[in-house]
Amino acid sequence: MKKRTNIRMSGLGGQGVVTSAHVLAMAANKDGKFSISNPFFGAEKRMAPAESYCRIGIERIYDRGELVFPDVIVVYHPQVITLQKSYTAPFYSGIKKEGVVIINSNADLLNAEDKEMLASLNVSVYTFDATAIALEVAGTELASNMALIGAIAGITKVVTLEGLDLAIQDRFGKKYVASGGTATLDEAIKKKFAKKEQLLKKNMDTIRKSYETASVWAEEHKLVAA
């Protein structure tokens, strides 16, 4: 088992990048692991670059701040790659050897140079349409981040589905104080569902479906779990 898994999430404002890191870190705690999550962004507005970091390990974690050398990179929006809407460019900067890149897209966004660089580091790339899964299962693209969380867990096994279920209940089932932009997003998500129970179920169903699909992909590519 790896002592630490470092995850860098890059997206745009309004996609729940900050929420994703927090839920993942909470799930790790529920699983008995140590974790720290922290965001990195400028103006809290939709479509502005947003980055978040999640560190999970079996030993206490003290370092915070920007995650320069991640094991896993998660791209929430194609523009992170196509328009370099990111605080880290190119998007795969610092990725460790044998790392994993997860991209939310319905098309291959990588050019020949990107593919050559990632192949030289033996980095595995999982491109899937998280937004499509969110729309199919939850009925709203606001659950795209849940699909991405499911993919992270399915490939790395850094947290369990049980841990994620408990984390989702804590995040959306209880009163939680967040920063302005994140709190607004949380409220927007809640308004999409008539009851909290429905919100919790839809989010977890989205995570579970994505987890299962990503797990199959990881097995096919013989990736070793964290």
Protein backbone atom coordinates (compact mmCIF):
# COMPACT_ATOMS: atom_id res chain seq x y z
CA MET A 1 0.00 0.00 0.00
CA LYS A 2 1.28 3.46 -0.92
CA LYS A 3 1.98 5.76 2.01
CA ARG A 4 0.50 8.73 0.17
CA THR A 5 -1.64 9.47 -2.86
CA ASN A 6 -1.57 13.05 -4.12
CA ILE A 7 -4.47 14.16 -6.33
CA ARG A 8 -4.66 17.41 -8.29
CA MET A 9 -8.03 18.50 -9.67
CA SER A 10 -8.25 21.14 -12.39
CA GLY A 11 -11.52 22.60 -13.63
CA LEU A 12 -13.58 25.72 -13.97
CA GLY A 13 -15.63 27.62 -11.41
CA GLY A 14 -19.04 26.07 -10.80
CA GLN A 15 -17.97 22.48 -11.48
CA GLY A 16 -17.55 21.47 -7.86
CA VAL A 17 -13.79 21.00 -7.94
CA VAL A 18 -13.41 22.23 -4.35
CA THR A 19 -16.33 20.09 -3.17
CA SER A 20 -14.78 17.02 -4.84
CA ALA A 21 -11.51 17.32 -2.94
CA HIS A 22 -13.36 17.87 0.33
CA VAL A 23 -15.66 14.85 -0.17
CA LEU A 24 -12.72 12.65 -1.12
CA ALA A 25 -10.76 13.76 1.94
CA MET A 26 -13.77 13.16 4.19
CA ALA A 27 -14.21 9.68 2.70
CA ALA A 28 -10.58 8.89 3.47
CA ASN A 29 -11.16 9.91 7.09
CA LYS A 30 -14.22 7.64 7.22
CA ASP A 31 -11.97 4.83 5.98
CA GLY A 32 -9.51 5.47 8.80
CA LYS A 33 -6.89 7.24 6.69
CA PHE A 34 -5.34 10.68 7.03
CA SER A 35 -6.17 13.39 4.52
CA ILE A 36 -5.98 17.09 3.72
CA SER A 37 -7.81 18.99 0.99
CA ASN A 38 -7.37 22.58 -0.03
CA PRO A 39 -8.49 24.77 -2.94
CA PHE A 40 -6.55 27.16 -5.14
CA PHE A 41 -8.44 29.75 -7.19
CA GLY A 42 -8.65 33.44 -8.00
CA ALA A 43 -12.04 35.05 -8.50
CA GLU A 44 -14.92 32.85 -7.34
CA LYS A 45 -16.93 32.99 -10.54
CA ARG A 46 -18.25 30.52 -13.06
CA MET A 47 -15.84 29.38 -15.81
CA ALA A 48 -12.78 30.90 -14.11
CA PRO A 49 -9.93 28.44 -13.50
CA ALA A 50 -10.25 26.49 -10.26
CA GLU A 51 -7.87 23.96 -8.81
CA SER A 52 -8.07 21.76 -5.74
CA TYR A 53 -5.73 19.33 -4.06
CA CYS A 54 -6.33 16.22 -2.01
CA ARG A 55 -3.66 14.34 -0.13
CA ILE A 56 -4.54 10.93 1.31
CA GLY A 57 -2.25 8.63 3.24
CA ILE A 58 -1.78 6.07 5.98
CA GLU A 59 0.39 8.46 8.00
CA ARG A 60 -0.38 11.94 9.34
CA ILE A 61 -0.08 14.67 6.67
CA TYR A 62 1.30 18.09 7.47
CA ASP A 63 2.01 19.75 4.13
CA ARG A 64 -0.57 21.92 2.36
CA GLY A 65 -0.54 24.33 -0.52
CA GLU A 66 -0.10 23.71 -4.23
CA LEU A 67 0.40 20.10 -5.26
CA VAL A 68 3.33 20.20 -7.68
CA PHE A 69 3.98 16.47 -8.13
CA PRO A 70 0.66 14.60 -8.19
CA ASP A 71 0.09 10.87 -8.57
CA VAL A 72 -3.33 11.55 -10.08
CA ILE A 73 -4.51 14.48 -12.18
CA VAL A 74 -8.23 15.01 -12.79
CA VAL A 75 -9.42 17.32 -15.58
CA TYR A 76 -12.99 18.52 -15.06
CA HIS A 77 -13.45 20.53 -18.26
CA PRO A 78 -11.98 20.22 -21.79
CA GLN A 79 -10.93 23.90 -21.73
CA VAL A 80 -8.35 23.04 -19.06
CA ILE A 81 -6.51 21.30 -21.92
CA THR A 82 -7.70 23.02 -25.09
CA LEU A 83 -7.50 26.62 -23.82
CA GLN A 84 -5.06 26.00 -20.94
CA LYS A 85 -7.60 27.40 -18.47
CA SER A 86 -5.54 26.19 -15.55
CA TYR A 87 -3.07 27.43 -12.98
CA THR A 88 -0.86 24.53 -14.02
CA ALA A 89 0.19 24.39 -17.67
CA PRO A 90 0.52 22.10 -19.39
CA PHE A 91 -2.20 20.34 -17.41
CA TYR A 92 -0.03 17.27 -16.79
CA SER A 93 2.89 19.25 -15.39
CA GLY A 94 4.60 17.40 -12.53
CA ILE A 95 2.76 14.09 -12.97
CA LYS A 96 4.74 11.27 -11.42
CA LYS A 97 5.91 8.18 -13.28
CA GLU A 98 3.16 5.56 -13.59
CA GLY A 99 0.62 8.17 -12.58
CA VAL A 100 -2.97 8.44 -13.75
CA VAL A 101 -4.75 11.20 -15.66
CA ILE A 102 -8.57 11.25 -15.61
CA ILE A 103 -10.28 13.50 -18.16
CA ASN A 104 -13.95 14.44 -18.37
CA SER A 105 -14.57 14.53 -22.12
CA ASN A 106 -16.46 12.71 -24.85
CA ALA A 107 -13.46 13.07 -27.20
CA ASP A 108 -9.70 12.55 -27.20
CA LEU A 109 -8.22 15.95 -26.31
CA LEU A 110 -4.54 15.03 -26.29
CA ASN A 111 -2.22 15.93 -29.14
CA ALA A 112 0.70 13.79 -30.28
CA GLU A 113 3.18 15.66 -28.05
CA ASP A 114 0.96 15.18 -24.97
CA LYS A 115 0.62 11.46 -25.66
CA GLU A 116 4.35 11.03 -26.22
CA MET A 117 5.23 12.80 -22.97
CA LEU A 118 2.71 10.85 -20.89
CA ALA A 119 3.76 7.55 -22.51
CA SER A 120 7.41 8.28 -21.64
CA LEU A 121 6.37 8.43 -17.97
CA ASN A 122 4.13 5.35 -18.30
CA VAL A 123 1.13 7.46 -17.30
CA SER A 124 -2.31 5.91 -17.86
CA VAL A 125 -5.02 8.17 -19.31
CA TYR A 126 -8.70 7.52 -18.65
CA THR A 127 -11.00 9.69 -20.76
CA PHE A 128 -14.71 9.32 -20.13
CA ASP A 129 -17.86 11.43 -20.28
CA ALA A 130 -18.53 12.21 -16.62
CA THR A 131 -21.14 14.78 -17.58
CA ALA A 132 -23.11 12.19 -19.57
CA ILE A 133 -23.12 9.83 -16.56
CA ALA A 134 -24.28 12.69 -14.32
CA LEU A 135 -27.14 13.54 -16.67
CA GLU A 136 -28.15 9.90 -17.07
CA VAL A 137 -28.09 8.97 -13.39
CA ALA A 138 -28.71 12.22 -11.49
CA GLY A 139 -30.50 14.19 -14.18
CA THR A 140 -28.18 17.19 -13.86
CA GLU A 141 -24.67 18.06 -15.02
CA LEU A 142 -24.05 19.45 -11.52
CA ALA A 143 -23.34 15.85 -10.50
CA SER A 144 -20.40 15.60 -12.94
CA ASN A 145 -18.02 16.00 -10.03
CA MET A 146 -19.61 12.98 -8.36
CA ALA A 147 -18.88 10.92 -11.48
CA LEU A 148 -15.27 12.11 -11.37
CA ILE A 149 -14.99 11.20 -7.69
CA GLY A 150 -16.29 7.74 -8.58
CA ALA A 151 -13.65 7.39 -11.29
CA ILE A 152 -10.85 8.41 -8.92
CA ALA A 153 -11.97 5.84 -6.35
CA GLY A 154 -12.61 3.14 -8.94
CA ILE A 155 -9.14 3.40 -10.44
CA THR A 156 -7.01 4.09 -7.36
CA LYS A 157 -9.12 2.44 -4.62
CA VAL A 158 -7.75 5.23 -2.39
CA VAL A 159 -11.18 5.40 -0.71
CA THR A 160 -14.05 2.92 -0.48
CA LEU A 161 -17.64 3.30 -1.64
CA GLU A 162 -18.67 3.00 1.99
CA GLY A 163 -16.42 5.88 2.94
CA LEU A 164 -17.78 7.97 0.08
CA ASP A 165 -21.37 7.22 1.11
CA LEU A 166 -20.69 8.49 4.63
CA ALA A 167 -18.85 11.54 3.28
CA ILE A 168 -21.74 12.43 0.97
CA GLN A 169 -24.16 12.15 3.88
CA ASP A 170 -21.97 14.51 5.92
CA ARG A 171 -21.52 17.01 3.10
CA PHE A 172 -25.07 17.25 1.81
CA GLY A 173 -27.14 15.77 4.62
CA LYS A 174 -25.97 18.11 7.36
CA LYS A 175 -25.49 21.86 7.69
CA TYR A 176 -22.02 22.61 6.41
CA VAL A 177 -20.33 26.02 6.33
CA ALA A 178 -18.41 26.66 3.12
CA SER A 179 -16.91 29.67 1.35
CA GLY A 180 -19.21 31.90 -0.69
CA GLY A 181 -18.85 30.27 -4.11
CA THR A 182 -18.83 26.71 -2.81
CA ALA A 183 -21.82 27.35 -0.55
CA THR A 184 -23.75 28.79 -3.49
CA LEU A 185 -22.95 25.71 -5.57
CA ASP A 186 -24.04 23.41 -2.74
CA GLU A 187 -27.36 25.23 -2.55
CA ALA A 188 -27.81 25.03 -6.32
CA ILE A 189 -27.27 21.28 -6.16
CA LYS A 190 -29.75 20.88 -3.30
CA LYS A 191 -32.40 22.85 -5.19
CA LYS A 192 -32.16 20.38 -8.06
CA PHE A 193 -33.64 17.73 -5.78
CA ALA A 194 -36.91 17.83 -3.85
CA LYS A 195 -35.56 16.05 -0.81
CA LYS A 196 -32.15 15.56 0.76
CA GLU A 197 -32.65 11.80 0.62
CA GLN A 198 -33.07 12.01 -3.13
CA LEU A 199 -29.97 14.19 -3.43
CA LEU A 200 -27.90 11.73 -1.41
CA LYS A 201 -29.15 8.75 -3.43
CA LYS A 202 -28.62 10.39 -6.84
CA ASN A 203 -25.11 11.52 -5.91
CA MET A 204 -24.18 8.11 -4.59
CA ASP A 205 -25.72 6.32 -7.58
CA THR A 206 -23.64 8.54 -9.86
CA ILE A 207 -20.48 7.79 -7.89
CA ARG A 208 -21.22 4.06 -7.90
CA LYS A 209 -21.85 3.78 -11.64
CA SER A 210 -18.68 5.72 -12.45
CA TYR A 211 -16.72 3.69 -9.89
CA GLU A 212 -17.77 0.41 -11.48
CA THR A 213 -16.94 1.54 -15.02
CA ALA A 214 -13.56 2.93 -13.99
CA SER A 215 -12.75 -0.23 -12.00
CA VAL A 216 -13.26 -2.34 -15.11
CA TRP A 217 -10.98 -0.01 -17.09
CA ALA A 218 -8.30 -0.20 -14.38
CA GLU A 219 -8.42 -3.99 -14.37
CA GLU A 220 -8.14 -4.11 -18.16
CA HIS A 221 -5.07 -1.87 -17.99
CA LYS A 222 -3.62 -3.86 -15.08
CA LEU A 223 -3.29 -0.83 -12.82
CA VAL A 224 -2.22 -1.49 -9.26
CA ALA A 225 -4.56 0.03 -6.65
CA ALA A 226 -3.19 2.61 -4.20
